[in-house]
Amino acid sequence: MTVQPISPSASYTADRNRLGSLHGIDSTETITLDITKFTAGTHYQASTDPIQPYSRVLSGVPVARITASDLAATDGRQQLPGLVFADAVFSPGQTKVAAAMLWHGVVRAATAPGGIDPAKVTPTSAGPLIRCI
């Protein structure tokens, strides 16, 4: 009798349909996300798989700096410093997650998880170079 071990695995493909061009994807910035400020089902997908318990913040989520904690989250999007560039995976109970932020480039506002209303984005001189189409 032989025993054959089985290893489950999962793979994900990044959804980059929100990009209007490739400009800016070569120079993302590392940020820390405060998961407590995000909404499950809108900004991240919570895992229901007991074998792969990792949830993931969706690429394309608009983020802004929280002045009090100096972490990025979804509040304050009116200044839109950038968007989460690639899905950021986190384990159950984790509240701080490292992610890559696209801080300049062209994005399709309607495809961002949670949405972006370009009319409500306030440009700042020190802000990002995100152009919404």
N, C-alpha and C. Protein backbone atom coordinates (compact mmCIF):
# COMPACT_ATOMS: atom_id res chain seq x y z
N MET A 1 0.84 -1.17 0.00
CA MET A 1 0.00 0.00 0.00
C MET A 1 0.88 1.24 0.00
N THR A 2 0.56 2.20 -0.85
CA THR A 2 1.29 3.46 -0.87
C THR A 2 0.34 4.60 -0.53
N VAL A 3 0.89 5.61 0.08
CA VAL A 3 0.12 6.79 0.45
C VAL A 3 0.52 7.93 -0.48
N GLN A 4 -0.47 8.53 -1.09
CA GLN A 4 -0.22 9.66 -2.00
C GLN A 4 -0.72 10.94 -1.35
N PRO A 5 0.18 11.82 -0.89
CA PRO A 5 -0.26 13.07 -0.27
C PRO A 5 -0.89 14.00 -1.32
N ILE A 6 -1.88 14.74 -0.90
CA ILE A 6 -2.56 15.69 -1.77
C ILE A 6 -2.35 17.08 -1.19
N SER A 7 -1.93 18.00 -2.04
CA SER A 7 -1.72 19.39 -1.61
C SER A 7 -2.66 20.30 -2.39
N PRO A 8 -3.61 20.94 -1.71
CA PRO A 8 -4.49 21.88 -2.42
C PRO A 8 -3.76 23.19 -2.70
N SER A 9 -4.15 23.85 -3.75
CA SER A 9 -3.57 25.16 -4.05
C SER A 9 -4.63 26.03 -4.72
N ALA A 10 -4.38 27.32 -4.70
CA ALA A 10 -5.29 28.28 -5.34
C ALA A 10 -4.44 29.32 -6.05
N SER A 11 -4.93 29.81 -7.17
CA SER A 11 -4.21 30.87 -7.86
C SER A 11 -5.21 31.94 -8.27
N TYR A 12 -4.72 33.16 -8.34
CA TYR A 12 -5.56 34.30 -8.69
C TYR A 12 -4.90 35.06 -9.83
N THR A 13 -5.71 35.63 -10.68
CA THR A 13 -5.21 36.46 -11.77
C THR A 13 -5.59 37.90 -11.45
N ALA A 14 -4.62 38.79 -11.51
CA ALA A 14 -4.86 40.20 -11.20
C ALA A 14 -5.81 40.81 -12.23
N ASP A 15 -6.75 41.60 -11.76
CA ASP A 15 -7.70 42.28 -12.62
C ASP A 15 -7.16 43.68 -12.90
N ARG A 16 -6.61 43.86 -14.07
CA ARG A 16 -6.00 45.15 -14.42
C ARG A 16 -6.86 45.94 -15.42
N ASN A 17 -8.15 45.59 -15.55
CA ASN A 17 -9.01 46.29 -16.50
C ASN A 17 -9.23 47.75 -16.11
N ARG A 18 -8.88 48.13 -14.90
CA ARG A 18 -9.06 49.51 -14.47
C ARG A 18 -7.97 50.43 -15.01
N LEU A 19 -6.87 49.87 -15.50
CA LEU A 19 -5.79 50.70 -16.01
C LEU A 19 -6.14 51.26 -17.38
N GLY A 20 -5.96 52.56 -17.54
CA GLY A 20 -6.19 53.21 -18.82
C GLY A 20 -4.94 53.25 -19.67
N SER A 21 -3.79 52.99 -19.04
CA SER A 21 -2.50 52.93 -19.74
C SER A 21 -1.51 52.20 -18.83
N LEU A 22 -0.34 51.91 -19.36
CA LEU A 22 0.69 51.25 -18.56
C LEU A 22 1.57 52.26 -17.82
N HIS A 23 1.32 53.53 -18.04
CA HIS A 23 2.12 54.58 -17.38
C HIS A 23 2.00 54.47 -15.86
N GLY A 24 3.12 54.47 -15.16
CA GLY A 24 3.14 54.48 -13.71
C GLY A 24 3.24 53.12 -13.05
N ILE A 25 3.04 52.03 -13.80
CA ILE A 25 3.05 50.72 -13.15
C ILE A 25 4.44 50.25 -12.77
N ASP A 26 5.46 50.92 -13.28
CA ASP A 26 6.83 50.53 -12.97
C ASP A 26 7.39 51.24 -11.74
N SER A 27 6.61 52.12 -11.12
CA SER A 27 7.12 52.84 -9.95
C SER A 27 6.02 53.01 -8.90
N THR A 28 5.61 51.88 -8.33
CA THR A 28 4.60 51.93 -7.27
C THR A 28 5.28 52.25 -5.94
N GLU A 29 4.49 52.59 -4.96
CA GLU A 29 5.01 52.95 -3.63
C GLU A 29 4.47 51.95 -2.61
N THR A 30 5.28 51.56 -1.64
CA THR A 30 4.84 50.65 -0.60
C THR A 30 4.07 51.41 0.47
N ILE A 31 2.88 50.90 0.82
CA ILE A 31 2.04 51.52 1.84
C ILE A 31 1.57 50.45 2.82
N THR A 32 1.02 50.89 3.94
CA THR A 32 0.41 49.98 4.91
C THR A 32 -1.08 50.30 4.97
N LEU A 33 -1.90 49.26 4.76
CA LEU A 33 -3.35 49.43 4.78
C LEU A 33 -3.89 49.10 6.17
N ASP A 34 -4.88 49.86 6.62
CA ASP A 34 -5.57 49.59 7.87
C ASP A 34 -6.87 48.86 7.50
N ILE A 35 -6.87 47.55 7.61
CA ILE A 35 -7.98 46.71 7.18
C ILE A 35 -9.28 47.06 7.90
N THR A 36 -9.20 47.60 9.11
CA THR A 36 -10.43 47.94 9.85
C THR A 36 -11.22 49.05 9.16
N LYS A 37 -10.61 49.78 8.24
CA LYS A 37 -11.29 50.86 7.53
C LYS A 37 -11.90 50.42 6.20
N PHE A 38 -11.74 49.15 5.85
CA PHE A 38 -12.23 48.63 4.58
C PHE A 38 -13.51 47.82 4.78
N THR A 39 -14.28 47.65 3.73
CA THR A 39 -15.54 46.93 3.78
C THR A 39 -15.42 45.61 3.03
N ALA A 40 -15.74 44.51 3.72
CA ALA A 40 -15.71 43.18 3.09
C ALA A 40 -16.74 43.15 1.97
N GLY A 41 -16.38 42.52 0.87
CA GLY A 41 -17.28 42.42 -0.26
C GLY A 41 -17.18 43.58 -1.22
N THR A 42 -16.70 44.74 -0.74
CA THR A 42 -16.51 45.90 -1.59
C THR A 42 -15.03 46.14 -1.84
N HIS A 43 -14.26 46.25 -0.77
CA HIS A 43 -12.84 46.55 -0.87
C HIS A 43 -11.95 45.32 -0.73
N TYR A 44 -12.46 44.28 -0.10
CA TYR A 44 -11.69 43.04 -0.02
C TYR A 44 -12.61 41.84 -0.04
N GLN A 45 -12.03 40.72 -0.47
CA GLN A 45 -12.77 39.46 -0.49
C GLN A 45 -12.32 38.65 0.71
N ALA A 46 -13.26 38.36 1.60
CA ALA A 46 -12.97 37.56 2.78
C ALA A 46 -12.97 36.08 2.38
N SER A 47 -12.00 35.34 2.84
CA SER A 47 -11.91 33.92 2.52
C SER A 47 -12.96 33.12 3.27
N THR A 48 -13.55 32.17 2.58
CA THR A 48 -14.48 31.23 3.20
C THR A 48 -13.91 29.82 3.13
N ASP A 49 -12.69 29.71 2.67
CA ASP A 49 -12.01 28.42 2.49
C ASP A 49 -11.19 28.09 3.73
N PRO A 50 -11.53 27.01 4.47
CA PRO A 50 -10.77 26.68 5.68
C PRO A 50 -9.34 26.23 5.39
N ILE A 51 -9.07 25.78 4.17
CA ILE A 51 -7.72 25.34 3.81
C ILE A 51 -6.85 26.52 3.41
N GLN A 52 -7.43 27.51 2.70
CA GLN A 52 -6.74 28.74 2.30
C GLN A 52 -7.44 29.90 2.99
N PRO A 53 -7.14 30.19 4.25
CA PRO A 53 -7.91 31.19 5.01
C PRO A 53 -7.54 32.64 4.72
N TYR A 54 -6.77 32.89 3.69
CA TYR A 54 -6.29 34.25 3.44
C TYR A 54 -7.30 35.07 2.63
N SER A 55 -7.62 36.25 3.14
CA SER A 55 -8.48 37.19 2.43
C SER A 55 -7.59 38.07 1.58
N ARG A 56 -8.19 38.88 0.69
CA ARG A 56 -7.35 39.75 -0.14
C ARG A 56 -8.02 41.07 -0.44
N VAL A 57 -7.25 42.15 -0.25
CA VAL A 57 -7.69 43.49 -0.65
C VAL A 57 -7.59 43.53 -2.16
N LEU A 58 -8.63 44.01 -2.81
CA LEU A 58 -8.69 44.00 -4.27
C LEU A 58 -7.82 45.08 -4.90
N SER A 59 -7.20 44.74 -6.00
CA SER A 59 -6.43 45.72 -6.72
C SER A 59 -7.39 46.77 -7.29
N GLY A 60 -6.99 48.02 -7.27
CA GLY A 60 -7.82 49.10 -7.78
C GLY A 60 -8.59 49.87 -6.73
N VAL A 61 -8.53 49.43 -5.46
CA VAL A 61 -9.24 50.13 -4.39
C VAL A 61 -8.60 51.50 -4.18
N PRO A 62 -9.38 52.60 -4.22
CA PRO A 62 -8.82 53.92 -3.95
C PRO A 62 -8.44 54.04 -2.47
N VAL A 63 -7.28 54.62 -2.20
CA VAL A 63 -6.82 54.77 -0.82
C VAL A 63 -6.37 56.20 -0.56
N ALA A 64 -6.35 56.55 0.73
CA ALA A 64 -5.89 57.87 1.17
C ALA A 64 -5.19 57.72 2.51
N ARG A 65 -4.39 58.69 2.85
CA ARG A 65 -3.67 58.66 4.13
C ARG A 65 -4.58 59.09 5.27
N ILE A 66 -4.53 58.33 6.38
CA ILE A 66 -5.24 58.71 7.60
C ILE A 66 -4.23 59.49 8.44
N THR A 67 -4.45 60.76 8.60
CA THR A 67 -3.48 61.62 9.28
C THR A 67 -3.19 61.16 10.70
N ALA A 68 -4.20 60.73 11.43
CA ALA A 68 -4.00 60.34 12.83
C ALA A 68 -3.09 59.13 12.99
N SER A 69 -3.19 58.15 12.08
CA SER A 69 -2.38 56.93 12.24
C SER A 69 -1.30 56.80 11.19
N ASP A 70 -1.30 57.65 10.17
CA ASP A 70 -0.33 57.61 9.08
C ASP A 70 -0.41 56.31 8.28
N LEU A 71 -1.59 55.68 8.28
CA LEU A 71 -1.80 54.47 7.50
C LEU A 71 -2.77 54.80 6.36
N ALA A 72 -2.78 53.97 5.34
CA ALA A 72 -3.69 54.19 4.22
C ALA A 72 -4.97 53.41 4.42
N ALA A 73 -6.06 53.97 3.95
CA ALA A 73 -7.36 53.29 4.02
C ALA A 73 -8.29 53.91 3.01
N THR A 74 -9.58 53.67 3.15
CA THR A 74 -10.53 54.20 2.18
C THR A 74 -11.12 55.53 2.59
N ASP A 75 -10.84 56.03 3.80
CA ASP A 75 -11.40 57.34 4.14
C ASP A 75 -10.54 58.45 3.54
N GLY A 76 -11.16 59.56 3.25
CA GLY A 76 -10.43 60.70 2.70
C GLY A 76 -10.14 60.56 1.22
N ARG A 77 -10.94 59.77 0.51
CA ARG A 77 -10.66 59.56 -0.91
C ARG A 77 -10.79 60.83 -1.74
N GLN A 78 -11.32 61.89 -1.17
CA GLN A 78 -11.44 63.13 -1.94
C GLN A 78 -10.09 63.67 -2.38
N GLN A 79 -9.00 63.23 -1.73
CA GLN A 79 -7.67 63.67 -2.16
C GLN A 79 -6.96 62.60 -2.96
N LEU A 80 -7.45 61.38 -3.00
CA LEU A 80 -6.99 60.28 -3.84
C LEU A 80 -5.47 60.20 -4.06
N PRO A 81 -4.71 59.85 -3.03
CA PRO A 81 -3.28 59.67 -3.24
C PRO A 81 -2.94 58.55 -4.21
N GLY A 82 -3.83 57.56 -4.32
CA GLY A 82 -3.56 56.48 -5.26
C GLY A 82 -4.53 55.32 -5.12
N LEU A 83 -4.17 54.22 -5.78
CA LEU A 83 -4.99 53.01 -5.75
C LEU A 83 -4.11 51.81 -5.41
N VAL A 84 -4.70 50.82 -4.78
CA VAL A 84 -3.97 49.58 -4.52
C VAL A 84 -3.65 48.97 -5.88
N PHE A 85 -2.38 48.73 -6.15
CA PHE A 85 -1.95 48.27 -7.47
C PHE A 85 -2.19 46.78 -7.67
N ALA A 86 -1.85 45.97 -6.69
CA ALA A 86 -1.99 44.52 -6.80
C ALA A 86 -2.72 44.00 -5.57
N ASP A 87 -3.45 42.90 -5.74
CA ASP A 87 -4.14 42.30 -4.60
C ASP A 87 -3.18 42.12 -3.43
N ALA A 88 -3.62 42.46 -2.23
CA ALA A 88 -2.81 42.30 -1.02
C ALA A 88 -3.46 41.25 -0.14
N VAL A 89 -2.76 40.16 0.09
CA VAL A 89 -3.29 39.02 0.84
C VAL A 89 -3.01 39.21 2.33
N PHE A 90 -4.01 38.85 3.17
CA PHE A 90 -3.81 38.94 4.61
C PHE A 90 -4.51 37.79 5.32
N SER A 91 -4.00 37.44 6.50
CA SER A 91 -4.52 36.31 7.27
C SER A 91 -5.64 36.76 8.21
N PRO A 92 -6.45 35.81 8.69
CA PRO A 92 -7.54 36.15 9.61
C PRO A 92 -7.01 36.88 10.85
N GLY A 93 -7.68 37.96 11.23
CA GLY A 93 -7.29 38.73 12.41
C GLY A 93 -6.24 39.79 12.16
N GLN A 94 -5.61 39.78 11.00
CA GLN A 94 -4.58 40.76 10.68
C GLN A 94 -5.24 42.10 10.37
N THR A 95 -4.74 43.19 10.95
CA THR A 95 -5.34 44.51 10.71
C THR A 95 -4.45 45.44 9.90
N LYS A 96 -3.17 45.18 9.81
CA LYS A 96 -2.24 45.99 9.04
C LYS A 96 -1.67 45.13 7.92
N VAL A 97 -1.74 45.65 6.68
CA VAL A 97 -1.31 44.88 5.51
C VAL A 97 -0.46 45.75 4.60
N ALA A 98 0.68 45.23 4.18
CA ALA A 98 1.53 45.94 3.23
C ALA A 98 0.94 45.78 1.83
N ALA A 99 1.04 46.84 1.04
CA ALA A 99 0.51 46.80 -0.32
C ALA A 99 1.31 47.75 -1.21
N ALA A 100 1.13 47.60 -2.52
CA ALA A 100 1.74 48.51 -3.49
C ALA A 100 0.68 49.51 -3.92
N MET A 101 1.06 50.80 -4.00
CA MET A 101 0.11 51.83 -4.40
C MET A 101 0.53 52.44 -5.74
N LEU A 102 -0.42 52.48 -6.67
CA LEU A 102 -0.22 53.18 -7.93
C LEU A 102 -0.50 54.65 -7.65
N TRP A 103 0.50 55.50 -7.74
CA TRP A 103 0.32 56.90 -7.38
C TRP A 103 0.33 57.83 -8.58
N HIS A 104 0.64 57.30 -9.76
CA HIS A 104 0.48 58.11 -10.97
C HIS A 104 0.17 57.18 -12.14
N GLY A 105 -0.70 57.68 -13.01
CA GLY A 105 -1.13 56.89 -14.15
C GLY A 105 -2.55 57.25 -14.55
N VAL A 106 -3.11 56.41 -15.40
CA VAL A 106 -4.47 56.63 -15.92
C VAL A 106 -5.33 55.45 -15.48
N VAL A 107 -6.49 55.74 -14.89
CA VAL A 107 -7.39 54.67 -14.45
C VAL A 107 -8.81 54.91 -14.96
N ARG A 108 -9.51 53.81 -15.14
CA ARG A 108 -10.93 53.86 -15.50
C ARG A 108 -11.71 53.91 -14.18
N ALA A 109 -12.21 55.08 -13.83
CA ALA A 109 -12.83 55.31 -12.53
C ALA A 109 -13.99 54.36 -12.23
N ALA A 110 -14.77 54.03 -13.22
CA ALA A 110 -15.95 53.19 -13.00
C ALA A 110 -15.60 51.75 -12.63
N THR A 111 -14.36 51.32 -12.91
CA THR A 111 -13.98 49.94 -12.63
C THR A 111 -13.31 49.75 -11.27
N ALA A 112 -13.06 50.82 -10.54
CA ALA A 112 -12.40 50.71 -9.23
C ALA A 112 -13.37 50.12 -8.20
N PRO A 113 -12.92 49.13 -7.40
CA PRO A 113 -13.79 48.59 -6.36
C PRO A 113 -14.23 49.70 -5.40
N GLY A 114 -15.51 49.87 -5.21
CA GLY A 114 -16.02 50.95 -4.38
C GLY A 114 -16.27 52.21 -5.18
N GLY A 115 -15.69 52.29 -6.38
CA GLY A 115 -15.91 53.41 -7.29
C GLY A 115 -15.13 54.66 -6.97
N ILE A 116 -14.92 55.48 -7.98
CA ILE A 116 -14.28 56.79 -7.84
C ILE A 116 -15.16 57.78 -8.59
N ASP A 117 -15.53 58.87 -7.94
CA ASP A 117 -16.27 59.93 -8.60
C ASP A 117 -15.25 61.03 -8.91
N PRO A 118 -14.79 61.12 -10.16
CA PRO A 118 -13.76 62.12 -10.51
C PRO A 118 -14.17 63.55 -10.16
N ALA A 119 -15.46 63.85 -10.14
CA ALA A 119 -15.92 65.21 -9.81
C ALA A 119 -15.64 65.55 -8.35
N LYS A 120 -15.48 64.53 -7.50
CA LYS A 120 -15.25 64.77 -6.07
C LYS A 120 -13.77 64.73 -5.69
N VAL A 121 -12.89 64.43 -6.64
CA VAL A 121 -11.46 64.36 -6.34
C VAL A 121 -10.88 65.77 -6.37
N THR A 122 -10.28 66.17 -5.24
CA THR A 122 -9.68 67.49 -5.12
C THR A 122 -8.20 67.42 -5.45
N PRO A 123 -7.75 68.06 -6.53
CA PRO A 123 -6.32 68.02 -6.84
C PRO A 123 -5.51 68.81 -5.81
N THR A 124 -4.34 68.30 -5.48
CA THR A 124 -3.44 69.01 -4.57
C THR A 124 -2.07 69.12 -5.22
N SER A 125 -1.31 70.13 -4.87
CA SER A 125 0.01 70.32 -5.48
C SER A 125 0.97 69.20 -5.11
N ALA A 126 0.79 68.61 -3.94
CA ALA A 126 1.67 67.52 -3.50
C ALA A 126 1.02 66.15 -3.75
N GLY A 127 -0.11 66.15 -4.41
CA GLY A 127 -0.88 64.93 -4.60
C GLY A 127 -0.37 64.07 -5.74
N PRO A 128 -1.09 63.02 -6.03
CA PRO A 128 -0.70 62.06 -7.04
C PRO A 128 -1.01 62.58 -8.44
N LEU A 129 -0.61 61.83 -9.38
CA LEU A 129 -0.86 62.18 -10.77
C LEU A 129 -1.78 61.12 -11.36
N ILE A 130 -2.94 60.95 -10.75
CA ILE A 130 -3.93 59.98 -11.23
C ILE A 130 -4.92 60.72 -12.11
N ARG A 131 -5.05 60.26 -13.33
CA ARG A 131 -6.04 60.85 -14.24
C ARG A 131 -7.14 59.82 -14.43
N CYS A 132 -8.37 60.19 -14.12
CA CYS A 132 -9.51 59.29 -14.26
C CYS A 132 -10.18 59.48 -15.59
N ILE A 133 -10.46 58.36 -16.25
CA ILE A 133 -11.18 58.42 -17.53
C ILE A 133 -12.47 57.63 -17.40
